[in-house]
Amino acid sequence: MTVISKIQKLRAENRREQKRKWKQKSKNDQTKALSKSSSAIRKRRQREKDRNSKIEDIEKRAATTKRKHKSRTKKKDQISAKEIIEQTLRDRKTNRQRIWREKQKQKQPQSPVQLNLTTAEDKNDPFKNKMSRCRAVRKLKRALPVTPSKRVATVKAYLSTNKSPTAITLQRIGLVPSPEEIKESKLNASVVEDIKTFLSNEKLKRNDQSRASVEVLAASVSGPAVGNCRAKVDLAKKLGVPVRRITRGFRVRSRVLTSDKSSYEYVKRKTRSDKLSEEVRKMIYDFWCSPENSRQTGNKIDVKRVRIGIKTYCSHAVQILEKTQSEVFLSFQQTRPEIKISQRTFEKCKPYFIRAARPKDRTTCCCRYHLENKYLFQSFSSHRKQLIKDSRY
């Protein structure tokens, strides 16, 4: 026996010994597994049962969905051509009825509708909720062309037609401008541009005439409508002038309408021009306002206001008569005997802010007079003491 054969025999014996050890080890592992507790076995069986039940539920759900899908496809396939025609006729009828109702609404006089797209609870909103409105908007977007330029051209062509009920409704609620509104906006823009050009040319000149014209123009464009809209800053930006000039225009308007001249102009135009001359009317106006005949009230809020135009008022502080109107007329006749005038005409020339005294006008608080006299006597006494000191030295 050679050396090679001995080596091969040893290797074979080693392999057999290794296989025997592996078999013995596997038998020992199985016995250990069998010796596990019964609770672990029950848990493992329960897990397997749950897994199997889930698999069965998933398979049942998939089978039912397949069955429903097949039944729907069968119903769609079973619809006949007659039913399709009937459905088309019903749709056409409802469409005609809807168009007729829209025309009837347009014929009736309607009040201006307030647009409110944020709330779904609006009575004029045809959508029940936000989701239905969202679906309609999504459907409209999908129906429009893909490119932005074509979308704009399509919507513009649709809204520019005068026969479209949708375009007419949008113009009525103010969402889309009507041709008259477009013309008016162009006119407003051109007027503002002309005023801006005039102001830019005149405000650089340093003479009294240019300053007066700029003040008059600023006072004419800055009225109560601009103040109510709180648009003084926007107006100043449009005209290219500082906000101070617009504010000064407000002050000029108030100063003109509250001056004595404007009050006299209102009184003068109430009488006939051929009855009395302007000098006589001015003389009678001054006589009514003289201190011996009337006085102002001590209350600052006593202001009389008269309407001289559309949303234009003239105001003046209220004055109280110290006499009766007959006594004022008699005193005027004694003062100016050369003027021949009746009492009725004399009373017509009375300013609008002069009225007879009431009982509450006769009760006057003397606190102010008391304090003024007190300060006056204190100043007299201090001056007297100073004179006495100076005379001693």
Protein backbone atom coordinates (compact mmCIF):
# COMPACT_ATOMS: atom_id res chain seq x y z
CA MET A 1 0.00 0.00 0.00
CA THR A 2 1.42 3.29 -1.03
CA VAL A 3 1.37 6.59 0.83
CA ILE A 4 -1.27 8.15 -1.45
CA SER A 5 -3.77 5.40 -0.82
CA LYS A 6 -3.31 5.78 2.95
CA ILE A 7 -4.01 9.50 2.74
CA GLN A 8 -7.20 8.92 0.74
CA LYS A 9 -8.43 6.31 3.26
CA LEU A 10 -7.88 8.78 6.17
CA ARG A 11 -9.81 11.52 4.38
CA ALA A 12 -12.76 9.19 3.78
CA GLU A 13 -12.86 8.19 7.44
CA ASN A 14 -12.81 11.88 8.46
CA ARG A 15 -15.76 12.62 6.18
CA ARG A 16 -17.81 9.75 7.62
CA GLU A 17 -17.03 10.91 11.17
CA GLN A 18 -18.10 14.47 10.27
CA LYS A 19 -21.41 13.26 8.79
CA ARG A 20 -22.15 11.22 11.90
CA LYS A 21 -21.55 14.29 14.12
CA TRP A 22 -23.88 16.44 11.96
CA LYS A 23 -26.67 13.85 12.16
CA GLN A 24 -26.29 13.60 15.90
CA LYS A 25 -26.46 17.40 16.23
CA SER A 26 -29.64 17.67 14.12
CA LYS A 27 -31.35 15.00 16.27
CA ASN A 28 -30.47 16.91 19.41
CA ASP A 29 -31.94 20.18 17.91
CA GLN A 30 -35.23 18.47 17.06
CA THR A 31 -35.55 17.10 20.57
CA LYS A 32 -34.93 20.60 21.97
CA ALA A 33 -37.59 22.06 19.68
CA LEU A 34 -40.08 19.44 20.83
CA SER A 35 -39.34 20.29 24.42
CA LYS A 36 -40.57 23.95 23.96
CA SER A 37 -43.49 25.20 26.04
CA SER A 38 -47.07 24.64 24.84
CA SER A 39 -47.86 28.39 25.06
CA ALA A 40 -45.27 29.22 22.38
CA ILE A 41 -46.74 26.56 20.13
CA ARG A 42 -50.27 27.96 20.61
CA LYS A 43 -49.08 31.51 19.78
CA ARG A 44 -47.34 30.31 16.62
CA ARG A 45 -50.47 28.46 15.48
CA GLN A 46 -52.62 31.56 16.19
CA ARG A 47 -50.30 33.74 14.11
CA GLU A 48 -50.48 31.30 11.23
CA LYS A 49 -54.28 31.22 11.49
CA ASP A 50 -54.49 35.07 11.47
CA ARG A 51 -52.20 35.25 8.47
CA ASN A 52 -54.33 32.77 6.57
CA SER A 53 -57.57 34.64 7.42
CA LYS A 54 -56.09 37.95 6.16
CA ILE A 55 -55.06 36.30 2.92
CA GLU A 56 -58.59 34.91 2.48
CA ASP A 57 -60.19 38.36 3.14
CA ILE A 58 -57.93 40.00 0.56
CA GLU A 59 -58.82 37.36 -2.02
CA LYS A 60 -62.58 37.76 -1.32
CA ARG A 61 -62.34 41.57 -1.67
CA ALA A 62 -60.52 41.26 -4.97
CA ALA A 63 -63.14 38.81 -6.24
CA THR A 64 -66.06 41.13 -5.32
CA THR A 65 -64.43 44.16 -7.02
CA LYS A 66 -63.92 42.10 -10.17
CA ARG A 67 -67.55 41.01 -10.07
CA LYS A 68 -68.81 44.61 -9.69
CA HIS A 69 -66.59 45.85 -12.51
CA LYS A 70 -67.89 43.09 -14.78
CA SER A 71 -71.50 43.93 -13.93
CA ARG A 72 -70.94 47.65 -14.70
CA THR A 73 -69.33 46.90 -18.02
CA LYS A 74 -72.22 44.56 -18.84
CA LYS A 75 -74.78 47.32 -18.02
CA LYS A 76 -72.93 49.83 -20.20
CA ASP A 77 -72.82 47.37 -23.04
CA GLN A 78 -76.53 46.57 -22.64
CA ILE A 79 -77.61 50.26 -23.17
CA SER A 80 -79.44 50.40 -26.47
CA ALA A 81 -79.38 53.09 -29.13
CA LYS A 82 -82.97 54.08 -28.29
CA GLU A 83 -82.05 54.98 -24.72
CA ILE A 84 -79.10 57.05 -25.95
CA ILE A 85 -81.40 59.04 -28.25
CA GLU A 86 -83.92 59.63 -25.45
CA GLN A 87 -81.18 60.89 -23.13
CA THR A 88 -79.90 63.28 -25.80
CA LEU A 89 -83.40 64.69 -26.35
CA ARG A 90 -83.86 65.21 -22.60
CA ASP A 91 -80.55 67.10 -22.40
CA ARG A 92 -81.53 69.36 -25.30
CA LYS A 93 -84.88 70.14 -23.66
CA THR A 94 -83.28 71.10 -20.33
CA ASN A 95 -80.76 73.28 -22.18
CA ARG A 96 -83.56 75.13 -24.02
CA GLN A 97 -85.42 75.69 -20.74
CA ARG A 98 -82.29 77.07 -19.08
CA ILE A 99 -81.66 79.53 -21.96
CA TRP A 100 -85.31 80.68 -21.81
CA ARG A 101 -85.07 81.33 -18.04
CA GLU A 102 -81.87 83.37 -18.55
CA LYS A 103 -83.59 85.54 -21.17
CA GLN A 104 -86.59 86.12 -18.90
CA LYS A 105 -84.27 87.23 -16.07
CA GLN A 106 -82.48 89.66 -18.38
CA LYS A 107 -85.78 91.25 -19.47
CA GLN A 108 -86.80 92.01 -15.88
CA PRO A 109 -85.27 95.15 -14.22
CA GLN A 110 -82.73 93.99 -11.70
CA SER A 111 -80.96 95.79 -8.89
CA PRO A 112 -77.14 95.86 -8.91
CA VAL A 113 -75.83 92.48 -7.76
CA GLN A 114 -72.99 92.38 -5.26
CA LEU A 115 -70.34 89.89 -6.34
CA ASN A 116 -69.20 87.60 -3.55
CA LEU A 117 -67.15 84.63 -4.73
CA THR A 118 -65.64 83.78 -1.36
CA THR A 119 -68.74 82.45 0.40
CA ALA A 120 -70.66 79.41 -0.81
CA GLU A 121 -73.64 80.33 1.38
CA ASP A 122 -74.60 83.22 -0.93
CA LYS A 123 -78.18 83.00 -2.19
CA ASN A 124 -77.13 83.89 -5.76
CA ASP A 125 -74.43 81.22 -5.80
CA PRO A 126 -75.61 78.27 -7.96
CA PHE A 127 -73.09 75.91 -6.34
CA LYS A 128 -74.07 74.08 -3.17
CA ASN A 129 -70.55 73.91 -1.76
CA LYS A 130 -66.94 74.72 -2.55
CA MET A 131 -66.22 71.29 -4.00
CA SER A 132 -68.85 71.62 -6.72
CA ARG A 133 -67.44 75.01 -7.68
CA CYS A 134 -63.93 73.54 -7.72
CA ARG A 135 -65.04 70.73 -10.05
CA ALA A 136 -66.68 73.21 -12.43
CA VAL A 137 -63.54 75.38 -12.52
CA ARG A 138 -61.37 72.31 -13.14
CA LYS A 139 -63.62 71.21 -16.00
CA LEU A 140 -63.39 74.70 -17.54
CA LYS A 141 -59.59 74.68 -17.29
CA ARG A 142 -59.38 71.30 -18.99
CA ALA A 143 -61.65 72.50 -21.79
CA LEU A 144 -59.49 75.55 -22.55
CA PRO A 145 -56.41 75.33 -24.81
CA VAL A 146 -53.06 74.40 -23.29
CA THR A 147 -50.91 77.42 -24.18
CA PRO A 148 -51.49 80.67 -22.19
CA SER A 149 -51.74 82.86 -25.32
CA LYS A 150 -54.51 80.70 -26.80
CA ARG A 151 -56.33 80.62 -23.46
CA VAL A 152 -56.28 84.43 -23.27
CA ALA A 153 -57.45 84.75 -26.88
CA THR A 154 -60.31 82.27 -26.31
CA VAL A 155 -61.59 83.96 -23.14
CA LYS A 156 -61.26 87.41 -24.71
CA ALA A 157 -63.23 86.38 -27.80
CA TYR A 158 -65.93 84.83 -25.63
CA LEU A 159 -66.33 87.84 -23.31
CA SER A 160 -66.17 90.44 -26.09
CA THR A 161 -69.33 89.20 -27.78
CA ASN A 162 -72.37 91.39 -27.00
CA LYS A 163 -74.85 88.52 -27.50
CA SER A 164 -73.34 86.30 -24.80
CA PRO A 165 -75.55 86.15 -21.64
CA THR A 166 -72.47 85.32 -19.56
CA ALA A 167 -70.60 88.41 -20.77
CA ILE A 168 -73.64 90.63 -20.14
CA THR A 169 -74.02 89.26 -16.60
CA LEU A 170 -70.32 89.77 -15.84
CA GLN A 171 -70.57 93.37 -17.09
CA ARG A 172 -73.62 93.99 -14.93
CA ILE A 173 -71.96 92.77 -11.73
CA GLY A 174 -68.78 94.73 -12.51
CA LEU A 175 -66.33 91.87 -13.03
CA VAL A 176 -65.82 92.70 -16.72
CA PRO A 177 -65.90 96.36 -17.84
CA SER A 178 -68.61 97.36 -20.27
CA PRO A 179 -67.87 99.51 -23.37
CA GLU A 180 -69.29 102.58 -21.59
CA GLU A 181 -67.05 101.99 -18.56
CA ILE A 182 -64.01 101.56 -20.80
CA LYS A 183 -64.80 104.86 -22.54
CA GLU A 184 -65.30 106.59 -19.17
CA SER A 185 -62.00 105.25 -17.80
CA LYS A 186 -60.17 106.51 -20.89
CA LEU A 187 -61.78 109.94 -20.43
CA ASN A 188 -60.79 110.02 -16.74
CA ALA A 189 -57.21 109.05 -17.59
CA SER A 190 -56.97 111.78 -20.25
CA VAL A 191 -58.37 114.42 -17.85
CA VAL A 192 -55.88 113.44 -15.14
CA GLU A 193 -53.05 113.56 -17.69
CA ASP A 194 -54.06 117.07 -18.81
CA ILE A 195 -54.25 118.30 -15.19
CA LYS A 196 -50.85 116.75 -14.47
CA THR A 197 -49.32 118.49 -17.51
CA PHE A 198 -50.79 121.85 -16.50
CA LEU A 199 -49.55 121.52 -12.90
CA SER A 200 -46.06 120.47 -14.00
CA ASN A 201 -45.82 123.56 -16.20
CA GLU A 202 -47.29 126.07 -13.76
CA LYS A 203 -45.71 124.96 -10.48
CA LEU A 204 -42.23 125.91 -11.72
CA LYS A 205 -43.22 129.54 -12.41
CA ARG A 206 -42.55 132.03 -9.60
CA ASN A 207 -45.38 134.55 -9.90
CA ASP A 208 -48.64 135.19 -8.09
CA GLN A 209 -50.86 134.28 -11.02
CA SER A 210 -49.32 130.81 -11.40
CA ARG A 211 -49.53 130.15 -7.67
CA ALA A 212 -53.19 131.17 -7.63
CA SER A 213 -54.03 128.97 -10.62
CA VAL A 214 -52.26 125.98 -9.06
CA GLU A 215 -54.14 126.51 -5.77
CA VAL A 216 -57.48 126.80 -7.57
CA LEU A 217 -56.83 123.62 -9.57
CA ALA A 218 -55.67 121.70 -6.50
CA ALA A 219 -58.75 122.86 -4.58
CA SER A 220 -61.05 121.86 -7.44
CA VAL A 221 -59.75 118.27 -7.71
CA SER A 222 -59.46 117.64 -3.94
CA GLY A 223 -63.04 117.43 -2.75
CA PRO A 224 -65.04 115.41 -0.22
CA ALA A 225 -65.23 112.39 -2.58
CA VAL A 226 -61.43 112.02 -2.50
CA GLY A 227 -61.46 112.44 1.28
CA ASN A 228 -64.15 109.80 1.76
CA CYS A 229 -62.18 107.32 -0.38
CA ARG A 230 -58.95 108.17 1.50
CA ALA A 231 -57.18 108.60 -1.80
CA LYS A 232 -55.20 111.80 -1.21
CA VAL A 233 -51.84 110.01 -1.52
CA ASP A 234 -52.91 108.18 -4.70
CA LEU A 235 -54.20 111.44 -6.21
CA ALA A 236 -50.94 113.20 -5.39
CA LYS A 237 -48.96 110.41 -7.09
CA LYS A 238 -51.18 110.57 -10.18
CA LEU A 239 -50.82 114.35 -10.49
CA GLY A 240 -47.11 114.38 -9.64
CA VAL A 241 -47.46 116.83 -6.74
CA PRO A 242 -46.71 116.44 -3.01
CA VAL A 243 -49.48 115.41 -0.65
CA ARG A 244 -49.18 118.79 1.11
CA ARG A 245 -50.60 120.56 -1.93
CA ILE A 246 -53.67 118.30 -2.00
CA THR A 247 -54.19 118.88 1.73
CA ARG A 248 -53.86 122.62 1.16
CA GLY A 249 -56.57 122.30 -1.50
CA PHE A 250 -58.90 120.81 1.13
CA ARG A 251 -58.15 123.76 3.43
CA VAL A 252 -58.78 126.27 0.64
CA ARG A 253 -62.19 124.75 -0.08
CA SER A 254 -63.16 124.81 3.60
CA ARG A 255 -61.84 128.38 4.03
CA VAL A 256 -63.79 129.64 1.03
CA LEU A 257 -67.02 127.94 2.07
CA THR A 258 -66.81 129.17 5.70
CA SER A 259 -65.85 132.78 5.00
CA ASP A 260 -68.08 135.81 5.41
CA LYS A 261 -67.85 136.53 1.70
CA SER A 262 -69.41 133.19 0.73
CA SER A 263 -72.17 133.68 3.32
CA TYR A 264 -72.89 137.14 1.93
CA GLU A 265 -72.95 135.78 -1.63
CA TYR A 266 -75.56 133.23 -0.58
CA VAL A 267 -77.71 135.92 1.06
CA LYS A 268 -77.29 138.28 -1.90
CA ARG A 269 -78.51 135.87 -4.52
CA LYS A 270 -81.69 135.09 -2.55
CA THR A 271 -83.11 138.58 -3.24
CA ARG A 272 -84.13 140.01 -6.58
CA SER A 273 -81.38 141.89 -8.37
CA ASP A 274 -83.76 144.56 -9.68
CA LYS A 275 -85.28 145.31 -6.27
CA LEU A 276 -82.26 146.52 -4.33
CA SER A 277 -78.77 147.53 -5.31
CA GLU A 278 -75.78 145.59 -4.11
CA GLU A 279 -74.62 148.49 -1.88
CA VAL A 280 -77.95 148.53 -0.04
CA ARG A 281 -77.94 144.73 0.40
CA LYS A 282 -74.37 144.85 1.77
CA MET A 283 -75.37 147.66 4.14
CA ILE A 284 -78.36 145.66 5.45
CA TYR A 285 -76.19 142.52 5.82
CA ASP A 286 -73.61 144.42 7.90
CA PHE A 287 -76.35 146.00 10.01
CA TRP A 288 -77.77 142.59 10.90
CA CYS A 289 -74.28 141.33 11.85
CA SER A 290 -73.38 144.42 13.93
CA PRO A 291 -72.63 143.79 17.67
CA GLU A 292 -75.55 145.96 18.87
CA ASN A 293 -78.02 143.75 17.02
CA SER A 294 -76.57 140.19 17.19
CA ARG A 295 -73.83 138.26 18.96
CA GLN A 296 -72.15 134.88 18.59
CA THR A 297 -72.94 132.03 20.95
CA GLY A 298 -70.30 130.78 23.35
CA ASN A 299 -70.52 127.25 21.94
CA LYS A 300 -68.12 126.29 19.14
CA ILE A 301 -70.39 123.61 17.74
CA ASP A 302 -73.17 126.11 16.97
CA VAL A 303 -72.59 126.29 13.20
CA LYS A 304 -75.29 126.83 10.59
CA ARG A 305 -74.86 125.10 7.23
CA VAL A 306 -76.75 125.62 3.95
CA ARG A 307 -76.61 123.73 0.69
CA ILE A 308 -75.36 125.82 -2.23
CA GLY A 309 -74.82 123.01 -4.73
CA ILE A 310 -74.56 119.27 -5.24
CA LYS A 311 -72.73 118.00 -2.15
CA THR A 312 -71.47 121.56 -1.55
CA TYR A 313 -72.29 123.46 1.64
CA CYS A 314 -71.57 126.90 3.07
CA SER A 315 -71.21 127.24 6.85
CA HIS A 316 -70.99 130.07 9.40
CA ALA A 317 -71.09 130.43 13.19
CA VAL A 318 -74.60 130.99 14.60
CA GLN A 319 -75.43 134.49 15.87
CA ILE A 320 -78.22 135.36 18.32
CA LEU A 321 -80.39 138.45 18.01
CA GLU A 322 -80.29 140.82 20.98
CA LYS A 323 -83.56 142.43 19.85
CA THR A 324 -86.66 141.48 17.94
CA GLN A 325 -86.70 141.75 14.17
CA SER A 326 -89.11 144.70 14.33
CA GLU A 327 -86.80 146.56 16.70
CA VAL A 328 -83.85 145.94 14.37
CA PHE A 329 -85.89 147.30 11.43
CA LEU A 330 -86.91 150.43 13.34
CA SER A 331 -83.33 151.11 14.42
CA PHE A 332 -82.21 150.72 10.78
CA GLN A 333 -84.83 153.27 9.68
CA GLN A 334 -83.60 155.69 12.31
CA THR A 335 -79.96 155.14 11.33
CA ARG A 336 -80.54 155.25 7.53
CA PRO A 337 -83.65 157.32 6.85
CA GLU A 338 -82.63 157.93 3.22
CA ILE A 339 -83.15 154.21 2.33
CA LYS A 340 -86.81 153.41 1.67
CA ILE A 341 -87.43 149.69 2.30
CA SER A 342 -90.25 147.58 3.71
CA GLN A 343 -89.88 145.33 6.73
CA ARG A 344 -90.53 142.17 4.71
CA THR A 345 -87.73 143.00 2.26
CA PHE A 346 -85.46 143.96 5.15
CA GLU A 347 -86.08 140.58 6.79
CA LYS A 348 -85.39 138.75 3.50
CA CYS A 349 -81.89 140.28 3.51
CA LYS A 350 -81.21 138.80 6.96
CA PRO A 351 -78.26 136.33 6.94
CA TYR A 352 -79.15 132.66 7.28
CA PHE A 353 -76.98 132.18 10.40
CA ILE A 354 -78.83 134.78 12.51
CA ARG A 355 -81.74 133.53 14.59
CA ALA A 356 -83.85 134.63 17.52
CA ALA A 357 -82.70 133.94 21.07
CA ARG A 358 -83.99 130.85 22.87
CA PRO A 359 -84.24 130.33 26.63
CA LYS A 360 -81.09 128.18 26.66
CA ASP A 361 -79.18 130.95 24.84
CA ARG A 362 -79.96 133.41 27.65
CA THR A 363 -78.38 131.22 30.37
CA THR A 364 -74.67 132.00 30.25
CA CYS A 365 -71.89 130.54 32.42
CA CYS A 366 -69.74 133.33 33.92
CA CYS A 367 -66.76 131.12 34.84
CA ARG A 368 -64.67 132.48 31.99
CA TYR A 369 -65.45 136.11 32.86
CA HIS A 370 -64.69 135.39 36.51
CA LEU A 371 -61.25 133.92 35.72
CA GLU A 372 -60.36 136.70 33.31
CA ASN A 373 -61.22 139.39 35.88
CA LYS A 374 -59.31 137.46 38.53
CA TYR A 375 -56.15 137.35 36.40
CA LEU A 376 -56.60 141.05 35.59
CA PHE A 377 -56.83 142.08 39.26
CA GLN A 378 -53.82 139.91 40.12
CA SER A 379 -51.76 141.65 37.46
CA PHE A 380 -52.92 145.06 38.75
CA SER A 381 -51.98 144.19 42.33
CA SER A 382 -48.53 142.90 41.35
CA HIS A 383 -47.93 146.02 39.27
CA ARG A 384 -49.04 148.23 42.23
CA LYS A 385 -46.64 146.44 44.59
CA GLN A 386 -43.80 146.93 42.14
CA LEU A 387 -44.59 150.66 41.88
CA ILE A 388 -44.59 151.03 45.68
CA LYS A 389 -41.18 149.35 45.93
CA ASP A 390 -39.74 151.57 43.22
CA SER A 391 -41.10 154.75 44.90
CA ARG A 392 -39.43 153.85 48.23
CA TYR A 393 -36.04 153.56 46.65
